Amino acid sequence: MHGPCLVLAGAGSGKTRVITHKIARLIQSGMAPGRIAAITFTNKAAAEMRERAKGLIGGAAREVLICTFHALGVRMLRQDGGALGLKPQFSILDSDDVTSILKDAGGTVDAATARQWQWTISLWKNMGLNAERAALAATDDGERQIARVMAHYEERLTAYQSVDFDDLISLPLKLMQHHEAARQRWQGFMGHVLVDEYQDTNATQYELLKLLVGGNPATQARFTAVGDDDQSIYGWRGATLDNLRKLPLDFPSLKVVKLEQNYRSTGAILRAANHVIGPNPKLFPKNLWSDLGDGEPVRVVDADNEEHEAERTVARIQSLRAGTQVSSGPQYQEFKDFAILYRANHQAKTFEKALRKAQIPYKVSGGTSFFDRAEIKDLCGWFRLWLNPDDDPAFLRAVTVPKRGIGHQTLQQLGTFASRYRISLFEALFAASLGSVLSSKAIGSLHEDQCAGFLRLDVGPLRRSDLRCGGCQYRR
């Protein structure tokens, strides 16, 4: 019940059900709900698990910690990040903020180059490498250059009192490895840890999990990992099957449970899937099966090009809806009964054109959100800073986009000053002693930029203070 357990759950075999019922059993056995943590990989999955747990165990589900790895990391750093030199109000940078800082750190204006650096640095962080170790492991001049950029990037994060998405895993690991008091506190809090989609964990997440579950790894570790080696598709972002391979070695008392019945698909679909994944290297052999009947056969259709593929897809939808190609089995009456799956977002356009031509209503799921557009994020940065002057990423976006001649050295000195006095970057602008680290010209540029921005937004004082901007008499 409480010891190390690996549930090998094939596609459609009920992974979420396993986790929610395990939570219920743990509570029934006497474990306090507040000592149970269920970790997922997306906020959507966490929300679904939370709702299903609520339906199963009622109000006790509110006490169970159900969150993503990164949300858990935020919680750990908010509580104990001071041991690593972080202030409690540290800021979390989004992808665009990281790209902007990397462009500055690497001395480039090319966003594509900065994004490539970002991917490489993210992969290194997921492997547990910092800039120094990445430089030692570099195999060519390109990697050595990125390691140098990473070193400058790490300096800026420290100066800005900010973390990126990958730091939300690597820094909690560092906390657990080097600070005994924090480690004992979190191990005491974690009565049992359940991990969903375990095959998608990376090296850093695995090391963090081992420290969280505590006890003697051979006999006392308290966790349940649910995953499937045939569903590991995130190797490009650091996920590794070594984590599945190492489980029986690191935890000799590991209990392995296989779930091979699929409740979602027909026999024909499962046979096709089993043939596709059959050649995969097998850590834990299994064979999916279903009692839903054989169903319609899987069809593979050739197409001359993307337009021809879209046309054939639309024709197939029309014929199925008209009932002309199915003599028995389900009849499709509404367009909502159909779904078109594609590999990448850019492929949607061709299908959309074909559907519009056929006057078939459709809804695209995913794609770029309106709020992810650069100009919207810039505007929201000002609004965020308006509502919360301690929002350092919003400050950095407002002060650097568009370029105003405020360089990284000025921002780094401002960040170091703010970190020393445990204040936000915006608040540091109005500190009387700021002149000890910045020239009057640099201070004037920063005051002009920020105050003009707030005046353009017609914003009054954000909060009372005796601090006054010497350049424009703007009072906070």
Protein backbone atom coordinates (compact mmCIF):
# COMPACT_ATOMS: atom_id res chain seq x y z
CA MET A 1 0.00 0.00 0.00
CA HIS A 2 2.60 2.58 1.09
CA GLY A 3 5.82 1.23 -0.46
CA PRO A 4 7.30 1.89 -3.90
CA CYS A 5 4.93 0.90 -6.72
CA LEU A 6 5.06 1.17 -10.51
CA VAL A 7 1.78 0.91 -12.41
CA LEU A 8 2.38 0.20 -16.12
CA ALA A 9 -0.76 1.69 -17.61
CA GLY A 10 -1.23 1.31 -21.35
CA ALA A 11 -3.17 3.88 -23.37
CA GLY A 12 -6.82 4.11 -22.30
CA SER A 13 -6.37 1.73 -19.37
CA GLY A 14 -7.47 4.16 -16.66
CA LYS A 15 -4.37 5.94 -15.31
CA THR A 16 -6.28 8.77 -13.63
CA ARG A 17 -8.69 6.29 -12.05
CA VAL A 18 -5.74 4.39 -10.59
CA ILE A 19 -4.34 7.53 -8.98
CA THR A 20 -7.64 8.82 -7.57
CA HIS A 21 -8.55 5.40 -6.13
CA LYS A 22 -5.07 5.06 -4.63
CA ILE A 23 -5.59 8.43 -2.93
CA ALA A 24 -8.90 7.15 -1.51
CA ARG A 25 -7.27 3.93 -0.25
CA LEU A 26 -4.45 5.85 1.42
CA ILE A 27 -6.97 8.03 3.25
CA GLN A 28 -8.99 4.95 4.25
CA SER A 29 -5.81 3.41 5.67
CA GLY A 30 -5.43 6.40 7.99
CA MET A 31 -3.12 8.77 6.12
CA ALA A 32 -4.04 12.43 6.45
CA PRO A 33 -5.16 13.92 3.07
CA GLY A 34 -2.75 16.82 3.55
CA ARG A 35 0.22 14.41 3.46
CA ILE A 36 -0.67 13.04 0.01
CA ALA A 37 0.72 14.64 -3.16
CA ALA A 38 -0.35 13.75 -6.71
CA ILE A 39 1.93 15.23 -9.37
CA THR A 40 0.94 15.64 -13.03
CA PHE A 41 2.49 17.36 -16.06
CA THR A 42 -0.21 19.84 -17.09
CA ASN A 43 -2.60 22.15 -15.25
CA LYS A 44 -5.45 20.60 -17.24
CA ALA A 45 -4.58 17.11 -16.02
CA ALA A 46 -4.28 18.38 -12.45
CA ALA A 47 -7.71 20.04 -12.65
CA GLU A 48 -9.29 16.86 -14.05
CA MET A 49 -7.67 14.74 -11.34
CA ARG A 50 -8.83 17.17 -8.67
CA GLU A 51 -12.44 16.98 -9.89
CA ARG A 52 -12.40 13.18 -10.06
CA ALA A 53 -10.86 12.94 -6.60
CA LYS A 54 -13.54 15.27 -5.27
CA GLY A 55 -16.24 13.02 -6.71
CA LEU A 56 -14.64 10.02 -5.04
CA ILE A 57 -13.60 11.30 -1.60
CA GLY A 58 -15.58 14.53 -1.28
CA GLY A 59 -14.24 17.52 0.64
CA ALA A 60 -11.03 15.71 1.62
CA ALA A 61 -9.82 16.22 -1.95
CA ARG A 62 -9.25 19.91 -1.19
CA GLU A 63 -6.54 18.94 1.31
CA VAL A 64 -4.66 16.67 -1.10
CA LEU A 65 -1.86 18.43 -2.96
CA ILE A 66 -2.69 17.85 -6.64
CA CYS A 67 -0.47 19.91 -8.91
CA THR A 68 2.20 19.89 -11.61
CA PHE A 69 5.90 19.36 -10.93
CA HIS A 70 6.44 23.06 -11.56
CA ALA A 71 3.64 24.17 -9.23
CA LEU A 72 5.19 22.02 -6.51
CA GLY A 73 8.53 23.67 -7.24
CA VAL A 74 6.98 27.13 -6.84
CA ARG A 75 5.52 26.11 -3.49
CA MET A 76 8.86 24.80 -2.26
CA LEU A 77 10.76 27.91 -3.37
CA ARG A 78 8.20 30.35 -1.97
CA GLN A 79 8.56 28.62 1.40
CA ASP A 80 12.28 27.81 1.49
CA GLY A 81 13.86 29.70 -1.40
CA GLY A 82 15.53 32.07 1.05
CA ALA A 83 18.10 29.34 1.69
CA LEU A 84 19.11 29.71 -1.97
CA GLY A 85 19.20 33.52 -1.84
CA LEU A 86 15.73 34.08 -3.34
CA LYS A 87 13.34 36.64 -1.93
CA PRO A 88 9.79 35.33 -1.25
CA GLN A 89 8.39 37.52 -4.07
CA PHE A 90 10.77 36.18 -6.71
CA SER A 91 9.42 36.42 -10.25
CA ILE A 92 8.87 33.64 -12.77
CA LEU A 93 9.84 34.49 -16.33
CA ASP A 94 7.73 33.32 -19.26
CA SER A 95 9.22 32.11 -22.55
CA ASP A 96 9.22 35.56 -24.19
CA ASP A 97 10.92 37.13 -21.17
CA VAL A 98 13.63 34.45 -21.34
CA THR A 99 14.15 35.03 -25.07
CA SER A 100 14.53 38.78 -24.50
CA ILE A 101 17.10 38.30 -21.72
CA LEU A 102 19.04 35.73 -23.78
CA LYS A 103 19.21 38.11 -26.74
CA ASP A 104 20.71 40.70 -24.44
CA ALA A 105 23.02 38.22 -22.68
CA GLY A 106 24.28 36.83 -25.98
CA GLY A 107 24.53 40.12 -27.81
CA THR A 108 22.15 39.29 -30.65
CA VAL A 109 18.99 40.75 -32.12
CA ASP A 110 18.04 37.52 -33.85
CA ALA A 111 15.09 35.95 -32.04
CA ALA A 112 15.57 32.59 -33.79
CA THR A 113 19.13 32.32 -32.47
CA ALA A 114 18.00 33.24 -28.96
CA ARG A 115 15.26 30.60 -29.08
CA GLN A 116 17.79 27.99 -30.15
CA TRP A 117 19.94 28.97 -27.17
CA GLN A 118 16.85 28.76 -25.01
CA TRP A 119 16.06 25.20 -26.10
CA THR A 120 19.65 24.06 -25.51
CA ILE A 121 19.89 25.73 -22.10
CA SER A 122 16.53 24.24 -21.12
CA LEU A 123 17.72 20.78 -22.13
CA TRP A 124 20.92 21.22 -20.13
CA LYS A 125 18.99 22.33 -17.07
CA ASN A 126 16.70 19.31 -17.37
CA MET A 127 19.84 17.16 -17.41
CA GLY A 128 21.01 18.81 -14.21
CA LEU A 129 23.76 20.95 -15.80
CA ASN A 130 24.61 24.53 -14.91
CA ALA A 131 26.70 26.82 -17.12
CA GLU A 132 30.01 25.62 -15.66
CA ARG A 133 29.21 21.92 -16.10
CA ALA A 134 27.71 22.56 -19.54
CA ALA A 135 30.97 24.25 -20.62
CA LEU A 136 32.95 21.20 -19.50
CA ALA A 137 30.58 18.85 -21.34
CA ALA A 138 30.50 20.94 -24.55
CA THR A 139 31.69 19.03 -27.62
CA ASP A 140 32.04 21.84 -30.17
CA ASP A 141 32.42 25.61 -30.50
CA GLY A 142 28.67 26.12 -30.84
CA GLU A 143 27.95 24.43 -27.50
CA ARG A 144 30.81 26.30 -25.83
CA GLN A 145 29.32 29.59 -27.04
CA ILE A 146 25.89 28.65 -25.65
CA ALA A 147 27.52 27.73 -22.33
CA ARG A 148 29.05 31.22 -22.18
CA VAL A 149 25.64 32.76 -22.94
CA MET A 150 24.15 30.55 -20.23
CA ALA A 151 26.65 31.90 -17.70
CA HIS A 152 25.63 35.50 -18.51
CA TYR A 153 21.97 34.46 -18.42
CA GLU A 154 22.36 32.90 -14.95
CA GLU A 155 23.98 36.12 -13.71
CA ARG A 156 21.01 38.15 -14.93
CA LEU A 157 18.49 35.79 -13.31
CA THR A 158 20.32 36.15 -10.00
CA ALA A 159 20.51 39.93 -10.34
CA TYR A 160 16.81 40.20 -11.30
CA GLN A 161 15.73 37.81 -8.49
CA SER A 162 13.91 35.78 -11.14
CA VAL A 163 13.67 32.15 -12.19
CA ASP A 164 12.65 30.49 -15.43
CA PHE A 165 10.40 27.46 -15.92
CA ASP A 166 13.25 24.94 -15.67
CA ASP A 167 14.53 26.50 -12.44
CA LEU A 168 11.26 25.48 -10.79
CA ILE A 169 12.62 21.92 -10.83
CA SER A 170 16.40 22.39 -10.63
CA LEU A 171 16.34 24.85 -7.70
CA PRO A 172 14.05 22.71 -5.49
CA LEU A 173 16.43 19.81 -6.22
CA LYS A 174 19.36 22.00 -5.15
CA LEU A 175 17.41 22.96 -2.03
CA MET A 176 16.79 19.31 -1.12
CA GLN A 177 20.38 18.29 -1.82
CA HIS A 178 22.16 20.99 0.17
CA HIS A 179 19.81 22.11 2.95
CA GLU A 180 19.09 19.46 5.57
CA ALA A 181 16.35 21.33 7.41
CA ALA A 182 14.32 21.90 4.23
CA ARG A 183 14.85 18.31 3.12
CA GLN A 184 13.59 16.87 6.41
CA ARG A 185 10.59 19.22 6.43
CA TRP A 186 9.47 18.27 2.91
CA GLN A 187 10.11 14.56 3.42
CA GLY A 188 8.01 14.74 6.58
CA PHE A 189 5.23 16.50 4.68
CA MET A 190 5.15 13.91 1.87
CA GLY A 191 3.39 10.89 3.31
CA HIS A 192 2.90 9.41 -0.17
CA VAL A 193 3.71 10.79 -3.62
CA LEU A 194 1.85 9.74 -6.77
CA VAL A 195 3.31 10.64 -10.18
CA ASP A 196 1.24 10.61 -13.37
CA GLU A 197 2.83 10.09 -16.84
CA TYR A 198 6.04 8.94 -15.19
CA GLN A 199 7.64 8.10 -18.54
CA ASP A 200 7.79 11.85 -19.28
CA THR A 201 9.99 12.71 -16.28
CA ASN A 202 13.49 14.01 -16.88
CA ALA A 203 16.68 13.35 -14.91
CA THR A 204 16.20 16.33 -12.60
CA GLN A 205 12.60 15.42 -11.77
CA TYR A 206 13.64 11.86 -10.95
CA GLU A 207 16.34 13.04 -8.53
CA LEU A 208 13.84 15.42 -6.91
CA LEU A 209 11.30 12.59 -6.56
CA LYS A 210 13.88 10.33 -4.88
CA LEU A 211 14.62 13.00 -2.29
CA LEU A 212 10.95 13.83 -1.70
CA VAL A 213 9.85 10.25 -0.97
CA GLY A 214 12.57 9.92 1.69
CA GLY A 215 13.34 6.93 3.86
CA ASN A 216 15.52 3.99 2.91
CA PRO A 217 15.12 3.72 -0.88
CA ALA A 218 15.32 -0.06 -0.71
CA THR A 219 12.37 -0.57 1.65
CA GLN A 220 10.67 2.60 2.85
CA ALA A 221 10.20 4.94 -0.14
CA ARG A 222 6.57 6.06 -0.33
CA PHE A 223 5.46 6.60 -3.91
CA THR A 224 3.33 5.30 -6.76
CA ALA A 225 4.52 5.99 -10.30
CA VAL A 226 2.04 5.52 -13.16
CA GLY A 227 3.43 5.40 -16.69
CA ASP A 228 4.02 3.51 -19.92
CA ASP A 229 7.33 3.17 -21.74
CA ASP A 230 5.48 2.96 -25.09
CA GLN A 231 4.05 6.45 -24.58
CA SER A 232 7.33 8.28 -24.03
CA ILE A 233 7.41 11.03 -26.68
CA TYR A 234 9.14 13.92 -24.91
CA GLY A 235 12.79 12.95 -25.27
CA TRP A 236 13.39 16.24 -27.11
CA ARG A 237 12.70 18.13 -23.87
CA GLY A 238 14.74 15.93 -21.57
CA ALA A 239 12.37 13.04 -20.73
CA THR A 240 14.28 9.79 -20.44
CA LEU A 241 13.26 6.13 -20.19
CA ASP A 242 16.28 5.66 -17.94
CA ASN A 243 13.98 6.80 -15.13
CA LEU A 244 11.80 3.72 -15.71
CA ARG A 245 14.85 1.52 -16.14
CA LYS A 246 16.41 2.73 -12.89
CA LEU A 247 13.32 2.29 -10.71
CA PRO A 248 13.78 -1.47 -10.02
CA LEU A 249 17.50 -0.85 -9.39
CA ASP A 250 17.09 2.11 -7.04
CA PHE A 251 14.06 0.59 -5.30
CA PRO A 252 14.55 -3.23 -5.07
CA SER A 253 11.22 -3.69 -3.27
CA LEU A 254 9.35 -2.03 -6.15
CA LYS A 255 5.99 -3.65 -6.90
CA VAL A 256 5.07 -3.65 -10.63
CA VAL A 257 1.40 -3.77 -11.69
CA LYS A 258 0.38 -3.99 -15.36
CA LEU A 259 -2.86 -2.56 -16.76
CA GLU A 260 -3.39 -4.00 -20.25
CA GLN A 261 -7.13 -3.66 -20.84
CA ASN A 262 -8.01 -0.63 -22.95
CA TYR A 263 -11.44 0.91 -22.28
CA ARG A 264 -11.30 3.51 -25.05
CA SER A 265 -10.60 1.82 -28.38
CA THR A 266 -11.80 -1.09 -30.48
CA GLY A 267 -9.84 -4.25 -31.22
CA ALA A 268 -8.91 -3.12 -34.75
CA ILE A 269 -7.34 0.09 -33.45
CA LEU A 270 -5.42 -1.75 -30.73
CA ARG A 271 -4.06 -4.34 -33.17
CA ALA A 272 -2.79 -1.54 -35.39
CA ALA A 273 -1.24 0.22 -32.40
CA ASN A 274 0.38 -2.97 -31.12
CA HIS A 275 1.93 -3.58 -34.55
CA VAL A 276 3.32 -0.03 -34.64
CA ILE A 277 4.89 -0.16 -31.18
CA GLY A 278 5.88 -3.81 -31.46
CA PRO A 279 9.45 -3.09 -32.63
CA ASN A 280 10.05 -0.62 -29.76
CA PRO A 281 12.65 -1.71 -27.19
CA LYS A 282 10.64 -3.14 -24.29
CA LEU A 283 11.45 -2.40 -20.68
CA PHE A 284 8.21 -4.04 -19.51
CA PRO A 285 6.49 -6.14 -22.22
CA LYS A 286 2.70 -5.90 -22.39
CA ASN A 287 -0.14 -6.42 -24.85
CA LEU A 288 -3.16 -4.12 -24.96
CA TRP A 289 -6.59 -5.70 -25.45
CA SER A 290 -10.22 -4.53 -25.47
CA ASP A 291 -13.69 -6.05 -25.00
CA LEU A 292 -15.36 -3.33 -27.10
CA GLY A 293 -15.47 -5.51 -30.20
CA ASP A 294 -13.44 -5.37 -33.37
CA GLY A 295 -14.97 -2.20 -34.79
CA GLU A 296 -14.26 -0.73 -38.20
CA PRO A 297 -10.88 -1.58 -39.74
CA VAL A 298 -8.14 1.02 -39.71
CA ARG A 299 -7.63 2.49 -43.19
CA VAL A 300 -4.42 3.98 -44.56
CA VAL A 301 -5.05 6.30 -47.52
CA ASP A 302 -2.44 7.69 -49.91
CA ALA A 303 -2.60 11.35 -50.92
CA ASP A 304 -0.64 13.24 -53.57
CA ASN A 305 -0.03 16.31 -51.39
CA GLU A 306 -1.46 18.29 -48.47
CA GLU A 307 -4.37 19.71 -50.48
CA HIS A 308 -5.33 16.26 -51.78
CA GLU A 309 -5.14 14.88 -48.22
CA ALA A 310 -7.49 17.59 -46.97
CA GLU A 311 -9.92 17.05 -49.85
CA ARG A 312 -10.07 13.29 -49.20
CA THR A 313 -10.59 13.91 -45.49
CA VAL A 314 -13.51 16.24 -46.12
CA ALA A 315 -15.03 13.81 -48.64
CA ARG A 316 -14.77 11.03 -46.07
CA ILE A 317 -16.56 13.13 -43.46
CA GLN A 318 -19.36 13.96 -45.91
CA SER A 319 -19.87 10.34 -46.96
CA LEU A 320 -19.88 9.05 -43.37
CA ARG A 321 -22.38 11.69 -42.33
CA ALA A 322 -24.59 10.82 -45.28
CA GLY A 323 -24.38 7.14 -44.30
CA THR A 324 -23.30 6.05 -47.78
CA GLN A 325 -20.19 4.11 -46.73
CA VAL A 326 -21.31 2.41 -43.53
CA SER A 327 -23.88 -0.37 -43.90
CA SER A 328 -23.75 -1.31 -40.22
CA GLY A 329 -22.42 0.14 -37.04
CA PRO A 330 -22.70 3.73 -35.80
CA GLN A 331 -24.25 6.42 -37.94
CA TYR A 332 -22.74 9.91 -37.78
CA GLN A 333 -25.45 12.57 -37.73
CA GLU A 334 -23.60 15.70 -36.57
CA PHE A 335 -20.32 17.33 -37.48
CA LYS A 336 -19.30 17.30 -33.81
CA ASP A 337 -18.98 13.51 -34.14
CA PHE A 338 -15.81 13.98 -36.20
CA ALA A 339 -12.27 15.03 -35.32
CA ILE A 340 -9.24 15.69 -37.52
CA LEU A 341 -5.90 15.17 -35.79
CA TYR A 342 -2.72 16.63 -37.25
CA ARG A 343 0.90 16.57 -36.14
CA ALA A 344 1.74 20.29 -36.11
CA ASN A 345 -0.29 23.50 -35.90
CA HIS A 346 0.87 24.75 -39.31
CA GLN A 347 -1.00 21.84 -40.96
CA ALA A 348 -4.36 23.16 -39.79
CA LYS A 349 -4.55 25.82 -42.51
CA THR A 350 -4.96 23.33 -45.36
CA PHE A 351 -7.74 21.47 -43.57
CA GLU A 352 -9.46 24.74 -42.68
CA LYS A 353 -9.51 25.82 -46.33
CA ALA A 354 -11.03 22.51 -47.39
CA LEU A 355 -13.66 22.59 -44.65
CA ARG A 356 -14.63 26.18 -45.48
CA LYS A 357 -14.93 25.31 -49.15
CA ALA A 358 -17.31 22.50 -48.23
CA GLN A 359 -19.20 24.80 -45.82
CA ILE A 360 -18.52 22.47 -42.90
CA PRO A 361 -18.43 24.22 -39.50
CA TYR A 362 -15.36 23.48 -37.40
CA LYS A 363 -13.47 24.55 -34.31
CA VAL A 364 -9.67 24.57 -34.04
CA SER A 365 -8.33 23.43 -30.69
CA GLY A 366 -4.96 24.87 -29.66
CA GLY A 367 -2.81 27.22 -31.69
CA THR A 368 -1.42 30.59 -30.64
CA SER A 369 -3.46 32.34 -27.98
CA PHE A 370 -4.38 35.97 -28.47
CA PHE A 371 -2.66 36.74 -25.18
CA ASP A 372 0.58 35.12 -26.37
CA ARG A 373 1.03 37.67 -29.16
CA ALA A 374 4.05 39.89 -28.50
CA GLU A 375 2.20 43.21 -28.67
CA ILE A 376 -0.48 41.97 -26.26
CA LYS A 377 2.14 40.69 -23.82
CA ASP A 378 3.87 44.09 -24.00
CA LEU A 379 0.64 45.91 -23.13
CA CYS A 380 -0.21 43.39 -20.40
CA GLY A 381 3.28 43.93 -18.99
CA TRP A 382 2.41 47.58 -18.32
CA PHE A 383 -0.94 46.62 -16.80
CA ARG A 384 0.70 43.98 -14.60
CA LEU A 385 3.22 46.53 -13.37
CA TRP A 386 0.41 49.01 -12.79
CA LEU A 387 -1.46 46.52 -10.58
CA ASN A 388 1.64 45.06 -8.91
CA PRO A 389 4.83 47.16 -8.82
CA ASP A 390 6.70 44.13 -7.41
CA ASP A 391 6.21 42.16 -10.65
CA ASP A 392 9.82 42.12 -11.85
CA PRO A 393 9.24 40.30 -15.20
CA ALA A 394 6.60 42.92 -16.07
CA PHE A 395 9.10 45.65 -15.19
CA LEU A 396 11.77 44.08 -17.42
CA ARG A 397 9.34 43.80 -20.34
CA ALA A 398 8.20 47.40 -19.91
CA VAL A 399 11.73 48.78 -19.69
CA THR A 400 13.23 46.79 -22.57
CA VAL A 401 10.44 46.64 -25.18
CA PRO A 402 10.81 48.60 -27.36
CA LYS A 403 14.53 49.33 -27.01
CA ARG A 404 15.17 52.62 -25.24
CA GLY A 405 18.93 52.59 -24.79
CA ILE A 406 18.75 51.05 -21.30
CA GLY A 407 21.46 48.39 -21.41
CA HIS A 408 21.91 45.13 -19.57
CA GLN A 409 24.66 46.56 -17.33
CA THR A 410 22.26 49.18 -16.00
CA LEU A 411 19.57 46.55 -15.41
CA GLN A 412 22.05 44.16 -13.84
CA GLN A 413 23.29 46.83 -11.41
CA LEU A 414 19.69 47.76 -10.63
CA GLY A 415 18.88 44.07 -10.06
CA THR A 416 21.89 43.58 -7.78
CA PHE A 417 20.87 46.67 -5.78
CA ALA A 418 17.26 45.41 -5.50
CA SER A 419 18.42 41.94 -4.45
CA ARG A 420 20.70 43.36 -1.76
CA TYR A 421 17.84 45.26 -0.12
CA ARG A 422 15.18 42.62 -0.89
CA ILE A 423 12.98 45.02 -2.85
CA SER A 424 11.45 44.95 -6.33
CA LEU A 425 13.18 46.49 -9.34
CA PHE A 426 10.51 49.19 -9.57
CA GLU A 427 10.84 50.11 -5.90
CA ALA A 428 14.61 50.27 -6.30
CA LEU A 429 14.16 53.09 -8.83
CA PHE A 430 13.10 55.45 -6.07
CA ALA A 431 15.60 54.45 -3.39
CA ALA A 432 17.64 57.41 -2.19
CA SER A 433 20.87 55.37 -2.25
CA LEU A 434 20.48 54.14 -5.85
CA GLY A 435 23.00 56.77 -6.92
CA SER A 436 25.72 54.74 -5.21
CA VAL A 437 25.52 52.08 -7.93
CA LEU A 438 24.09 53.91 -10.97
CA SER A 439 25.05 57.12 -12.68
CA SER A 440 22.66 60.05 -12.62
CA LYS A 441 22.21 59.66 -16.40
CA ALA A 442 21.16 56.01 -16.04
CA ILE A 443 18.78 56.86 -13.19
CA GLY A 444 17.30 59.68 -15.26
CA SER A 445 16.68 57.33 -18.20
CA LEU A 446 14.98 54.77 -15.98
CA HIS A 447 12.82 57.40 -14.29
CA GLU A 448 11.85 58.96 -17.60
CA ASP A 449 10.93 55.60 -19.09
CA GLN A 450 8.85 54.26 -16.20
CA CYS A 451 7.18 57.50 -15.17
CA ALA A 452 6.27 58.41 -18.76
CA GLY A 453 4.77 54.97 -19.16
CA PHE A 454 2.53 55.38 -16.15
CA LEU A 455 1.53 58.90 -17.18
CA ARG A 456 0.56 57.58 -20.63
CA LEU A 457 -1.67 55.05 -18.91
CA ASP A 458 -3.14 57.88 -16.78
CA VAL A 459 -2.26 56.07 -13.59
CA GLY A 460 -2.31 57.71 -10.19
CA PRO A 461 0.01 56.83 -7.30
CA LEU A 462 0.36 53.07 -6.96
CA ARG A 463 0.78 53.15 -3.19
CA ARG A 464 1.77 55.62 -0.54
CA SER A 465 5.43 56.24 0.08
CA ASP A 466 7.75 59.06 0.88
CA LEU A 467 9.85 58.16 -2.17
CA ARG A 468 9.75 60.78 -4.90
CA CYS A 469 11.19 60.68 -8.42
CA GLY A 470 13.71 63.49 -8.54
CA GLY A 471 13.43 63.84 -12.31
CA CYS A 472 9.68 64.40 -12.67
CA GLN A 473 8.39 64.71 -9.09
CA TYR A 474 6.32 61.57 -9.58
CA ARG A 475 5.33 60.27 -6.17
CA ARG A 476 4.62 56.61 -5.57
